[in-house]
Amino acid sequence: MERTIWAFVFCLVVGWCNALSASAEEGNTAKAAIEKAVQSYVAAFNARDAKALAAHWSPEGVHISRVSGESVTGREAIGKEFAALFDEQKDARLDVAVESIDFVSPSVALEQGVATLVFPEGEPASTSYSAVHVKREGKWLIDRVSEEAIRITPSHYEQLKDLEWMIGQWVDQAGEDIVTTECHWSRNNNFIIRSFTVSVAGDIDMAGMQIVGWDPAHKQIRSWVFDSDGGFVEGSWQRNGKQWIVNSKATLPDGKRASFTSIFKPLNDDSFTWQKVNRIVDGEILPNIDEVVIVRKGTQ
C-alpha cells in the first residue's frame, strides 16, 4: 500500500514539474513574440509607415498620453495620429527600452519601459510607458498604451563636485586621541554626509554627523553639524584657491554661542590639512588650533 501511495505521489510531482516546464516554455515563447513585435513597431515608426504602425494595435486600442492630456481610441484614429506626427516631425526617430514584460494571463501581457524620440537637432524627449498586449488569432496586438513624463530628480552635484576629494575614510591621530571620519554621497548626489567619532584611549568620547549641501536660495555651499553632546553648527563654504574656508556659527550644549573659521586644504588624493581659527566662545577669544594633516584610512 505504501509503495502504491509513493508511486502516486511521484506521478503527481512529475506531472506538476512537466506542467511547470511547459508553462515556462510557453511563457518564454510568448515573451519572445512580444519582444519581436516591439522591434517591428519601432522599425515601422522609423520607416515612417503609419499604416504598418496601426496594424500593431487592436481595433479598439487606446493610446493615452498623460504628458499632453490627450487620448486616441481605435486603430484607424491611431494611424491618423501617427501620420500627423510624421508630417510634423519629419526626422524624429523612436528608441524603446523594454524594462519588463509580465503576463496577466496566457493571452494578456503588461509591458513597461521607456520610449525616446530622438531629433536631429535639440534634446531627445523620453516618456515612461505601460503597454497592454492581447493575443488574438495567434498574434500579439497592442490594446492600450499609457505614457507619462519621466520625473527628473534634480541634483546639485555640479555645485558640490569640487568637494569630491572628501569622499572616503579619514584618520587624524595624535597620541591616544583619534578622530575618524567617513564621508559619502547621499542619493542623487545632493548632499555629502560626513560621520565622525572622537576616541580617547580607545573609548569613544564624542560622535556626530555633518551634512554638506548646496543652498539654492543663497547660491552657496552650506553645512550643518550635529554632535552627540547636543551641540550643532551651521557653516558657509567658500573656495579660496586650493583652500576651502568655512565660516561657522555654533550653539553649544550649554546654550552658549560660538563662532570660528575652519580651513581645509587638499594636499593630494590621500591627505588634506585642517585648522581652526578666529575662535570665539560666548564673547571670549580662544587660541587658534594649529594645522593638522589628515590622511586617508589605510595609508597612514
C-alpha atoms as a PDB file:
ATOM      1  CA  MET A   1       0.000   0.000   0.000  1.00  0.00           C
ATOM      2  CA  GLU A   2       2.780   2.401   0.963  1.00  0.00           C
ATOM      3  CA  ARG A   3       4.585   1.693  -2.305  1.00  0.00           C
ATOM      4  CA  THR A   4       1.405   2.453  -4.234  1.00  0.00           C
ATOM      5  CA  ILE A   5       0.960   5.771  -2.429  1.00  0.00           C
ATOM      6  CA  TRP A   6       4.551   6.818  -3.144  1.00  0.00           C
ATOM      7  CA  ALA A   7       4.150   5.855  -6.778  1.00  0.00           C
ATOM      8  CA  PHE A   8       1.018   8.005  -6.922  1.00  0.00           C
ATOM      9  CA  VAL A   9       2.820  10.961  -5.307  1.00  0.00           C
ATOM     10  CA  PHE A  10       5.744  10.520  -7.685  1.00  0.00           C
ATOM     11  CA  CYS A  11       3.391  10.662 -10.649  1.00  0.00           C
ATOM     12  CA  LEU A  12       1.815  13.854  -9.293  1.00  0.00           C
ATOM     13  CA  VAL A  13       5.215  15.506  -8.797  1.00  0.00           C
ATOM     14  CA  VAL A  14       6.425  14.518 -12.260  1.00  0.00           C
ATOM     15  CA  GLY A  15       3.200  15.758 -13.805  1.00  0.00           C
ATOM     16  CA  TRP A  16       3.435  19.028 -11.881  1.00  0.00           C
ATOM     17  CA  CYS A  17       7.074  19.547 -12.918  1.00  0.00           C
ATOM     18  CA  ASN A  18       6.232  18.795 -16.548  1.00  0.00           C
ATOM     19  CA  ALA A  19       3.370  21.296 -16.390  1.00  0.00           C
ATOM     20  CA  LEU A  20       5.671  23.954 -14.937  1.00  0.00           C
ATOM     21  CA  SER A  21       8.265  23.232 -17.606  1.00  0.00           C
ATOM     22  CA  ALA A  22       5.656  23.507 -20.358  1.00  0.00           C
ATOM     23  CA  SER A  23       4.258  26.693 -18.814  1.00  0.00           C
ATOM     24  CA  ALA A  24       7.718  28.257 -18.572  1.00  0.00           C
ATOM     25  CA  GLU A  25       8.468  27.307 -22.161  1.00  0.00           C
ATOM     26  CA  GLU A  26       5.193  28.808 -23.366  1.00  0.00           C
ATOM     27  CA  GLY A  27       5.896  31.979 -21.362  1.00  0.00           C
ATOM     28  CA  ASN A  28       9.349  32.337 -22.905  1.00  0.00           C
ATOM     29  CA  THR A  29       7.892  31.839 -26.376  1.00  0.00           C
ATOM     30  CA  ALA A  30       5.194  34.453 -25.749  1.00  0.00           C
ATOM     31  CA  LYS A  31       7.718  36.924 -24.328  1.00  0.00           C
ATOM     32  CA  ALA A  32       9.966  36.457 -27.367  1.00  0.00           C
ATOM     33  CA  ALA A  33       6.963  37.085 -29.640  1.00  0.00           C
ATOM     34  CA  ILE A  34       6.138  40.350 -27.841  1.00  0.00           C
ATOM     35  CA  GLU A  35       9.768  41.470 -27.959  1.00  0.00           C
ATOM     36  CA  LYS A  36       9.774  40.785 -31.694  1.00  0.00           C
ATOM     37  CA  ALA A  37       6.547  42.772 -32.083  1.00  0.00           C
ATOM     38  CA  VAL A  38       8.148  45.702 -30.247  1.00  0.00           C
ATOM     39  CA  GLN A  39      11.115  45.622 -32.617  1.00  0.00           C
ATOM     40  CA  SER A  40       8.716  45.551 -35.571  1.00  0.00           C
ATOM     41  CA  TYR A  41       6.817  48.505 -34.089  1.00  0.00           C
ATOM     42  CA  VAL A  42       9.996  50.577 -33.727  1.00  0.00           C
ATOM     43  CA  ALA A  43      11.068  49.669 -37.274  1.00  0.00           C
ATOM     44  CA  ALA A  44       7.673  50.751 -38.655  1.00  0.00           C
ATOM     45  CA  PHE A  45       7.905  54.066 -36.795  1.00  0.00           C
ATOM     46  CA  ASN A  46      11.420  54.787 -38.050  1.00  0.00           C
ATOM     47  CA  ALA A  47      10.291  53.840 -41.587  1.00  0.00           C
ATOM     48  CA  ARG A  48       7.512  56.436 -41.125  1.00  0.00           C
ATOM     49  CA  ASP A  49       4.889  53.839 -42.045  1.00  0.00           C
ATOM     50  CA  ALA A  50       1.726  54.906 -40.208  1.00  0.00           C
ATOM     51  CA  LYS A  51      -0.319  52.060 -41.701  1.00  0.00           C
ATOM     52  CA  ALA A  52       2.146  49.401 -40.511  1.00  0.00           C
ATOM     53  CA  LEU A  53       2.226  51.025 -37.059  1.00  0.00           C
ATOM     54  CA  ALA A  54      -1.568  50.965 -36.800  1.00  0.00           C
ATOM     55  CA  ALA A  55      -1.566  47.270 -37.699  1.00  0.00           C
ATOM     56  CA  HIS A  56       0.215  46.555 -34.405  1.00  0.00           C
ATOM     57  CA  TRP A  57      -2.845  47.796 -32.491  1.00  0.00           C
ATOM     58  CA  SER A  58      -6.094  46.037 -31.715  1.00  0.00           C
ATOM     59  CA  PRO A  59      -9.179  47.505 -33.496  1.00  0.00           C
ATOM     60  CA  GLU A  60     -10.328  49.127 -30.230  1.00  0.00           C
ATOM     61  CA  GLY A  61      -6.841  50.079 -28.975  1.00  0.00           C
ATOM     62  CA  VAL A  62      -6.415  53.165 -26.775  1.00  0.00           C
ATOM     63  CA  HIS A  63      -3.373  55.446 -26.584  1.00  0.00           C
ATOM     64  CA  ILE A  64      -3.271  57.757 -23.538  1.00  0.00           C
ATOM     65  CA  SER A  65      -0.662  60.480 -23.143  1.00  0.00           C
ATOM     66  CA  ARG A  66      -0.524  61.893 -19.639  1.00  0.00           C
ATOM     67  CA  VAL A  67       2.073  64.338 -20.946  1.00  0.00           C
ATOM     68  CA  SER A  68      -0.310  66.119 -23.347  1.00  0.00           C
ATOM     69  CA  GLY A  69      -3.505  65.019 -21.591  1.00  0.00           C
ATOM     70  CA  GLU A  70      -4.897  63.587 -24.827  1.00  0.00           C
ATOM     71  CA  SER A  71      -6.154  60.102 -25.718  1.00  0.00           C
ATOM     72  CA  VAL A  72      -6.852  58.414 -29.040  1.00  0.00           C
ATOM     73  CA  THR A  73      -9.163  55.396 -29.448  1.00  0.00           C
ATOM     74  CA  GLY A  74      -9.296  52.934 -32.315  1.00  0.00           C
ATOM     75  CA  ARG A  75      -6.754  51.539 -34.760  1.00  0.00           C
ATOM     76  CA  GLU A  76      -7.786  53.891 -37.559  1.00  0.00           C
ATOM     77  CA  ALA A  77      -7.602  57.012 -35.381  1.00  0.00           C
ATOM     78  CA  ILE A  78      -4.216  55.957 -34.018  1.00  0.00           C
ATOM     79  CA  GLY A  79      -2.912  55.504 -37.569  1.00  0.00           C
ATOM     80  CA  LYS A  80      -4.053  59.041 -38.454  1.00  0.00           C
ATOM     81  CA  GLU A  81      -2.380  60.359 -35.305  1.00  0.00           C
ATOM     82  CA  PHE A  82       0.942  58.827 -36.356  1.00  0.00           C
ATOM     83  CA  ALA A  83       0.581  60.166 -39.903  1.00  0.00           C
ATOM     84  CA  ALA A  84       0.086  63.667 -38.492  1.00  0.00           C
ATOM     85  CA  LEU A  85       3.124  63.216 -36.239  1.00  0.00           C
ATOM     86  CA  PHE A  86       5.289  62.197 -39.198  1.00  0.00           C
ATOM     87  CA  ASP A  87       4.190  65.325 -41.090  1.00  0.00           C
ATOM     88  CA  GLU A  88       5.096  67.496 -38.115  1.00  0.00           C
ATOM     89  CA  GLN A  89       8.306  65.741 -37.038  1.00  0.00           C
ATOM     90  CA  LYS A  90       9.846  64.670 -40.303  1.00  0.00           C
ATOM     91  CA  ASP A  91      13.151  63.377 -38.910  1.00  0.00           C
ATOM     92  CA  ALA A  92      12.162  62.026 -35.492  1.00  0.00           C
ATOM     93  CA  ARG A  93      13.299  58.513 -34.648  1.00  0.00           C
ATOM     94  CA  LEU A  94      11.980  56.187 -31.962  1.00  0.00           C
ATOM     95  CA  ASP A  95      14.059  54.253 -29.458  1.00  0.00           C
ATOM     96  CA  VAL A  96      12.392  51.880 -26.987  1.00  0.00           C
ATOM     97  CA  ALA A  97      13.977  50.322 -23.907  1.00  0.00           C
ATOM     98  CA  VAL A  98      11.811  47.473 -22.600  1.00  0.00           C
ATOM     99  CA  GLU A  99      12.164  47.133 -18.830  1.00  0.00           C
ATOM    100  CA  SER A 100       9.729  44.286 -18.137  1.00  0.00           C
ATOM    101  CA  ILE A 101       7.094  42.024 -19.678  1.00  0.00           C
ATOM    102  CA  ASP A 102       4.693  40.348 -17.233  1.00  0.00           C
ATOM    103  CA  PHE A 103       1.806  38.030 -18.056  1.00  0.00           C
ATOM    104  CA  VAL A 104      -1.597  38.658 -16.508  1.00  0.00           C
ATOM    105  CA  SER A 105      -2.935  35.571 -18.301  1.00  0.00           C
ATOM    106  CA  PRO A 106      -1.756  33.396 -21.212  1.00  0.00           C
ATOM    107  CA  SER A 107      -3.321  35.909 -23.625  1.00  0.00           C
ATOM    108  CA  VAL A 108      -2.702  39.210 -21.806  1.00  0.00           C
ATOM    109  CA  ALA A 109       0.692  40.783 -21.025  1.00  0.00           C
ATOM    110  CA  LEU A 110       1.864  44.052 -19.498  1.00  0.00           C
ATOM    111  CA  GLU A 111       4.985  45.657 -20.942  1.00  0.00           C
ATOM    112  CA  GLN A 112       6.746  48.566 -19.256  1.00  0.00           C
ATOM    113  CA  GLY A 113       9.656  50.643 -20.456  1.00  0.00           C
ATOM    114  CA  VAL A 114      10.960  53.976 -21.703  1.00  0.00           C
ATOM    115  CA  ALA A 115      10.260  55.435 -25.155  1.00  0.00           C
ATOM    116  CA  THR A 116      12.541  58.150 -26.528  1.00  0.00           C
ATOM    117  CA  LEU A 117      12.025  60.372 -29.545  1.00  0.00           C
ATOM    118  CA  VAL A 118      15.376  61.407 -30.978  1.00  0.00           C
ATOM    119  CA  PHE A 119      15.641  64.504 -33.175  1.00  0.00           C
ATOM    120  CA  PRO A 120      18.493  65.625 -35.454  1.00  0.00           C
ATOM    121  CA  GLU A 121      18.594  68.872 -33.516  1.00  0.00           C
ATOM    122  CA  GLY A 122      17.626  69.525 -29.929  1.00  0.00           C
ATOM    123  CA  GLU A 123      17.298  67.327 -26.870  1.00  0.00           C
ATOM    124  CA  PRO A 124      15.618  63.885 -27.046  1.00  0.00           C
ATOM    125  CA  ALA A 125      12.189  63.531 -25.396  1.00  0.00           C
ATOM    126  CA  SER A 126      11.631  60.498 -23.163  1.00  0.00           C
ATOM    127  CA  THR A 127       8.480  59.109 -21.553  1.00  0.00           C
ATOM    128  CA  SER A 128       7.828  56.052 -19.434  1.00  0.00           C
ATOM    129  CA  TYR A 129       5.065  53.797 -20.743  1.00  0.00           C
ATOM    130  CA  SER A 130       2.865  50.847 -19.876  1.00  0.00           C
ATOM    131  CA  ALA A 131       1.504  48.774 -22.762  1.00  0.00           C
ATOM    132  CA  VAL A 132      -1.146  46.058 -22.527  1.00  0.00           C
ATOM    133  CA  HIS A 133      -0.739  43.349 -25.192  1.00  0.00           C
ATOM    134  CA  VAL A 134      -3.533  40.913 -26.094  1.00  0.00           C
ATOM    135  CA  LYS A 135      -3.176  37.733 -28.112  1.00  0.00           C
ATOM    136  CA  ARG A 136      -5.762  37.348 -30.854  1.00  0.00           C
ATOM    137  CA  GLU A 137      -5.745  34.684 -33.553  1.00  0.00           C
ATOM    138  CA  GLY A 138      -2.166  33.816 -32.680  1.00  0.00           C
ATOM    139  CA  LYS A 139      -0.897  37.399 -32.929  1.00  0.00           C
ATOM    140  CA  TRP A 140       0.052  39.787 -30.131  1.00  0.00           C
ATOM    141  CA  LEU A 141      -1.560  43.227 -30.526  1.00  0.00           C
ATOM    142  CA  ILE A 142      -1.308  46.436 -28.508  1.00  0.00           C
ATOM    143  CA  ASP A 143      -4.602  47.088 -26.730  1.00  0.00           C
ATOM    144  CA  ARG A 144      -3.710  50.045 -24.528  1.00  0.00           C
ATOM    145  CA  VAL A 145      -0.714  52.321 -24.017  1.00  0.00           C
ATOM    146  CA  SER A 146      -0.317  54.911 -21.273  1.00  0.00           C
ATOM    147  CA  GLU A 147       2.611  57.353 -21.362  1.00  0.00           C
ATOM    148  CA  GLU A 148       3.883  59.621 -18.602  1.00  0.00           C
ATOM    149  CA  ALA A 149       6.645  62.201 -18.426  1.00  0.00           C
ATOM    150  CA  ILE A 150       9.751  60.933 -16.676  1.00  0.00           C
ATOM    151  CA  ARG A 151      10.243  62.756 -13.408  1.00  0.00           C
ATOM    152  CA  ILE A 152      13.761  64.118 -13.292  1.00  0.00           C
ATOM    153  CA  THR A 153      15.169  64.337  -9.797  1.00  0.00           C
ATOM    154  CA  PRO A 154      17.328  67.464  -9.501  1.00  0.00           C
ATOM    155  CA  SER A 155      20.925  67.041  -8.418  1.00  0.00           C
ATOM    156  CA  HIS A 156      23.353  69.622  -7.079  1.00  0.00           C
ATOM    157  CA  TYR A 157      26.375  67.523  -7.953  1.00  0.00           C
ATOM    158  CA  GLU A 158      27.734  70.247 -10.250  1.00  0.00           C
ATOM    159  CA  GLN A 159      27.834  72.675  -7.329  1.00  0.00           C
ATOM    160  CA  LEU A 160      29.415  70.121  -4.967  1.00  0.00           C
ATOM    161  CA  LYS A 161      31.753  68.153  -7.241  1.00  0.00           C
ATOM    162  CA  ASP A 162      34.802  70.242  -6.244  1.00  0.00           C
ATOM    163  CA  LEU A 163      34.449  68.716  -2.763  1.00  0.00           C
ATOM    164  CA  GLU A 164      34.573  65.157  -4.064  1.00  0.00           C
ATOM    165  CA  TRP A 165      38.086  64.795  -2.651  1.00  0.00           C
ATOM    166  CA  MET A 166      36.403  64.491   0.760  1.00  0.00           C
ATOM    167  CA  ILE A 167      34.731  61.173  -0.109  1.00  0.00           C
ATOM    168  CA  GLY A 168      36.246  58.220   1.773  1.00  0.00           C
ATOM    169  CA  GLN A 169      37.504  57.293   5.239  1.00  0.00           C
ATOM    170  CA  TRP A 170      39.978  59.556   7.055  1.00  0.00           C
ATOM    171  CA  VAL A 171      42.089  59.419  10.224  1.00  0.00           C
ATOM    172  CA  ASP A 172      43.608  62.152  12.405  1.00  0.00           C
ATOM    173  CA  GLN A 173      45.708  60.693  15.219  1.00  0.00           C
ATOM    174  CA  ALA A 174      47.690  62.456  17.926  1.00  0.00           C
ATOM    175  CA  GLY A 175      48.916  60.069  20.596  1.00  0.00           C
ATOM    176  CA  GLU A 176      45.915  58.270  22.100  1.00  0.00           C
ATOM    177  CA  ASP A 177      43.451  60.744  20.579  1.00  0.00           C
ATOM    178  CA  ILE A 178      41.985  59.587  17.274  1.00  0.00           C
ATOM    179  CA  VAL A 179      39.410  61.297  15.061  1.00  0.00           C
ATOM    180  CA  THR A 180      37.985  59.059  12.334  1.00  0.00           C
ATOM    181  CA  THR A 181      35.752  60.389   9.595  1.00  0.00           C
ATOM    182  CA  GLU A 182      33.708  58.604   6.926  1.00  0.00           C
ATOM    183  CA  CYS A 183      32.356  60.645   4.057  1.00  0.00           C
ATOM    184  CA  HIS A 184      29.935  59.584   1.280  1.00  0.00           C
ATOM    185  CA  TRP A 185      27.425  60.977  -1.202  1.00  0.00           C
ATOM    186  CA  SER A 186      23.712  60.918  -0.449  1.00  0.00           C
ATOM    187  CA  ARG A 187      21.269  59.649  -3.068  1.00  0.00           C
ATOM    188  CA  ASN A 188      21.234  61.772  -6.264  1.00  0.00           C
ATOM    189  CA  ASN A 189      24.499  63.400  -5.091  1.00  0.00           C
ATOM    190  CA  ASN A 190      22.572  66.242  -3.479  1.00  0.00           C
ATOM    191  CA  PHE A 191      24.487  66.122  -0.192  1.00  0.00           C
ATOM    192  CA  ILE A 192      27.830  64.982   1.177  1.00  0.00           C
ATOM    193  CA  ILE A 193      27.432  63.222   4.512  1.00  0.00           C
ATOM    194  CA  ARG A 194      30.365  63.059   6.938  1.00  0.00           C
ATOM    195  CA  SER A 195      30.120  60.982  10.124  1.00  0.00           C
ATOM    196  CA  PHE A 196      32.880  61.281  12.702  1.00  0.00           C
ATOM    197  CA  THR A 197      33.985  59.814  16.031  1.00  0.00           C
ATOM    198  CA  VAL A 198      36.459  61.169  18.554  1.00  0.00           C
ATOM    199  CA  SER A 199      38.198  58.440  20.578  1.00  0.00           C
ATOM    200  CA  VAL A 200      40.412  58.916  23.623  1.00  0.00           C
ATOM    201  CA  ALA A 201      42.493  55.953  24.798  1.00  0.00           C
ATOM    202  CA  GLY A 202      40.305  53.594  22.794  1.00  0.00           C
ATOM    203  CA  ASP A 203      36.965  54.902  24.110  1.00  0.00           C
ATOM    204  CA  ILE A 204      34.591  56.998  22.012  1.00  0.00           C
ATOM    205  CA  ASP A 205      34.368  60.432  23.622  1.00  0.00           C
ATOM    206  CA  MET A 206      32.069  62.053  21.057  1.00  0.00           C
ATOM    207  CA  ALA A 207      30.438  61.314  17.716  1.00  0.00           C
ATOM    208  CA  GLY A 208      28.493  63.335  15.199  1.00  0.00           C
ATOM    209  CA  MET A 209      27.440  63.979  11.635  1.00  0.00           C
ATOM    210  CA  GLN A 210      27.979  66.789   9.163  1.00  0.00           C
ATOM    211  CA  ILE A 211      25.784  67.349   6.106  1.00  0.00           C
ATOM    212  CA  VAL A 212      27.220  69.486   3.305  1.00  0.00           C
ATOM    213  CA  GLY A 213      24.903  70.708   0.552  1.00  0.00           C
ATOM    214  CA  TRP A 214      24.136  73.419  -1.961  1.00  0.00           C
ATOM    215  CA  ASP A 215      21.721  76.124  -0.821  1.00  0.00           C
ATOM    216  CA  PRO A 216      19.884  77.214  -4.000  1.00  0.00           C
ATOM    217  CA  ALA A 217      18.285  80.185  -2.239  1.00  0.00           C
ATOM    218  CA  HIS A 218      21.606  81.702  -1.086  1.00  0.00           C
ATOM    219  CA  LYS A 219      23.604  80.308  -4.026  1.00  0.00           C
ATOM    220  CA  GLN A 220      26.336  78.852  -1.837  1.00  0.00           C
ATOM    221  CA  ILE A 221      27.543  75.657  -0.192  1.00  0.00           C
ATOM    222  CA  ARG A 222      26.386  75.291   3.396  1.00  0.00           C
ATOM    223  CA  SER A 223      26.864  72.672   6.113  1.00  0.00           C
ATOM    224  CA  TRP A 224      25.202  71.537   9.307  1.00  0.00           C
ATOM    225  CA  VAL A 225      26.900  69.577  12.111  1.00  0.00           C
ATOM    226  CA  PHE A 226      25.140  67.735  14.939  1.00  0.00           C
ATOM    227  CA  ASP A 227      27.179  66.082  17.692  1.00  0.00           C
ATOM    228  CA  SER A 228      26.380  63.520  20.382  1.00  0.00           C
ATOM    229  CA  ASP A 229      26.858  66.128  23.148  1.00  0.00           C
ATOM    230  CA  GLY A 230      23.883  68.100  21.851  1.00  0.00           C
ATOM    231  CA  GLY A 231      25.702  70.891  20.043  1.00  0.00           C
ATOM    232  CA  PHE A 232      25.122  71.956  16.459  1.00  0.00           C
ATOM    233  CA  VAL A 233      26.960  74.102  13.930  1.00  0.00           C
ATOM    234  CA  GLU A 234      25.940  75.894  10.739  1.00  0.00           C
ATOM    235  CA  GLY A 235      28.626  76.844   8.233  1.00  0.00           C
ATOM    236  CA  SER A 236      29.020  78.580   4.878  1.00  0.00           C
ATOM    237  CA  TRP A 237      31.715  77.404   2.461  1.00  0.00           C
ATOM    238  CA  GLN A 238      33.852  79.450   0.092  1.00  0.00           C
ATOM    239  CA  ARG A 239      36.731  78.381  -2.092  1.00  0.00           C
ATOM    240  CA  ASN A 240      39.937  80.411  -1.982  1.00  0.00           C
ATOM    241  CA  GLY A 241      42.436  78.949  -4.442  1.00  0.00           C
ATOM    242  CA  LYS A 242      43.206  75.430  -3.206  1.00  0.00           C
ATOM    243  CA  GLN A 243      41.684  76.095   0.193  1.00  0.00           C
ATOM    244  CA  TRP A 244      38.133  75.857   1.434  1.00  0.00           C
ATOM    245  CA  ILE A 245      37.139  78.444   4.043  1.00  0.00           C
ATOM    246  CA  VAL A 246      34.186  77.511   6.265  1.00  0.00           C
ATOM    247  CA  ASN A 247      32.770  80.286   8.432  1.00  0.00           C
ATOM    248  CA  SER A 248      30.678  78.719  11.172  1.00  0.00           C
ATOM    249  CA  LYS A 249      28.293  79.660  13.959  1.00  0.00           C
ATOM    250  CA  ALA A 250      27.646  77.148  16.732  1.00  0.00           C
ATOM    251  CA  THR A 251      25.252  76.565  19.574  1.00  0.00           C
ATOM    252  CA  LEU A 252      26.981  74.650  22.375  1.00  0.00           C
ATOM    253  CA  PRO A 253      25.246  72.027  24.557  1.00  0.00           C
ATOM    254  CA  ASP A 254      25.001  74.530  27.427  1.00  0.00           C
ATOM    255  CA  GLY A 255      23.359  77.150  25.203  1.00  0.00           C
ATOM    256  CA  LYS A 256      26.414  79.347  24.712  1.00  0.00           C
ATOM    257  CA  ARG A 257      27.095  80.739  21.263  1.00  0.00           C
ATOM    258  CA  ALA A 258      30.369  80.329  19.401  1.00  0.00           C
ATOM    259  CA  SER A 259      31.886  81.164  16.048  1.00  0.00           C
ATOM    260  CA  PHE A 260      35.010  80.023  14.222  1.00  0.00           C
ATOM    261  CA  THR A 261      36.580  79.513  10.809  1.00  0.00           C
ATOM    262  CA  SER A 262      37.745  76.111   9.537  1.00  0.00           C
ATOM    263  CA  ILE A 263      40.280  75.878   6.724  1.00  0.00           C
ATOM    264  CA  PHE A 264      40.575  72.739   4.595  1.00  0.00           C
ATOM    265  CA  LYS A 265      43.375  72.300   2.052  1.00  0.00           C
ATOM    266  CA  PRO A 266      43.705  69.123  -0.079  1.00  0.00           C
ATOM    267  CA  LEU A 267      47.339  68.049  -0.430  1.00  0.00           C
ATOM    268  CA  ASN A 268      46.870  65.001  -2.674  1.00  0.00           C
ATOM    269  CA  ASP A 269      44.398  62.149  -3.156  1.00  0.00           C
ATOM    270  CA  ASP A 270      45.200  60.722   0.282  1.00  0.00           C
ATOM    271  CA  SER A 271      45.674  63.714   2.568  1.00  0.00           C
ATOM    272  CA  PHE A 272      44.491  67.212   3.429  1.00  0.00           C
ATOM    273  CA  THR A 273      45.174  69.773   6.147  1.00  0.00           C
ATOM    274  CA  TRP A 274      42.694  71.265   8.596  1.00  0.00           C
ATOM    275  CA  GLN A 275      42.904  74.079  11.070  1.00  0.00           C
ATOM    276  CA  LYS A 276      40.502  76.203  13.116  1.00  0.00           C
ATOM    277  CA  VAL A 277      40.996  79.959  13.558  1.00  0.00           C
ATOM    278  CA  ASN A 278      39.053  83.021  14.745  1.00  0.00           C
ATOM    279  CA  ARG A 279      37.580  81.077  17.656  1.00  0.00           C
ATOM    280  CA  ILE A 280      35.145  82.961  19.855  1.00  0.00           C
ATOM    281  CA  VAL A 281      33.030  81.329  22.596  1.00  0.00           C
ATOM    282  CA  ASP A 282      30.481  83.419  24.496  1.00  0.00           C
ATOM    283  CA  GLY A 283      32.386  86.595  23.590  1.00  0.00           C
ATOM    284  CA  GLU A 284      35.778  85.219  24.645  1.00  0.00           C
ATOM    285  CA  ILE A 285      38.570  84.900  22.067  1.00  0.00           C
ATOM    286  CA  LEU A 286      40.263  81.486  22.168  1.00  0.00           C
ATOM    287  CA  PRO A 287      43.617  80.389  20.678  1.00  0.00           C
ATOM    288  CA  ASN A 288      43.699  79.017  17.149  1.00  0.00           C
ATOM    289  CA  ILE A 289      44.022  75.276  16.617  1.00  0.00           C
ATOM    290  CA  ASP A 290      47.210  74.584  14.674  1.00  0.00           C
ATOM    291  CA  GLU A 291      47.093  72.993  11.248  1.00  0.00           C
ATOM    292  CA  VAL A 292      46.997  69.182  11.267  1.00  0.00           C
ATOM    293  CA  VAL A 293      47.374  66.675   8.464  1.00  0.00           C
ATOM    294  CA  ILE A 294      44.507  64.220   7.998  1.00  0.00           C
ATOM    295  CA  VAL A 295      45.197  61.100   5.928  1.00  0.00           C
ATOM    296  CA  ARG A 296      43.048  58.559   4.165  1.00  0.00           C
ATOM    297  CA  LYS A 297      42.470  55.416   6.228  1.00  0.00           C
ATOM    298  CA  GLY A 298      44.846  52.630   5.262  1.00  0.00           C
ATOM    299  CA  THR A 299      47.601  54.992   4.042  1.00  0.00           C
ATOM    300  CA  GLN A 300      48.939  56.164   7.415  1.00  0.00           C
END
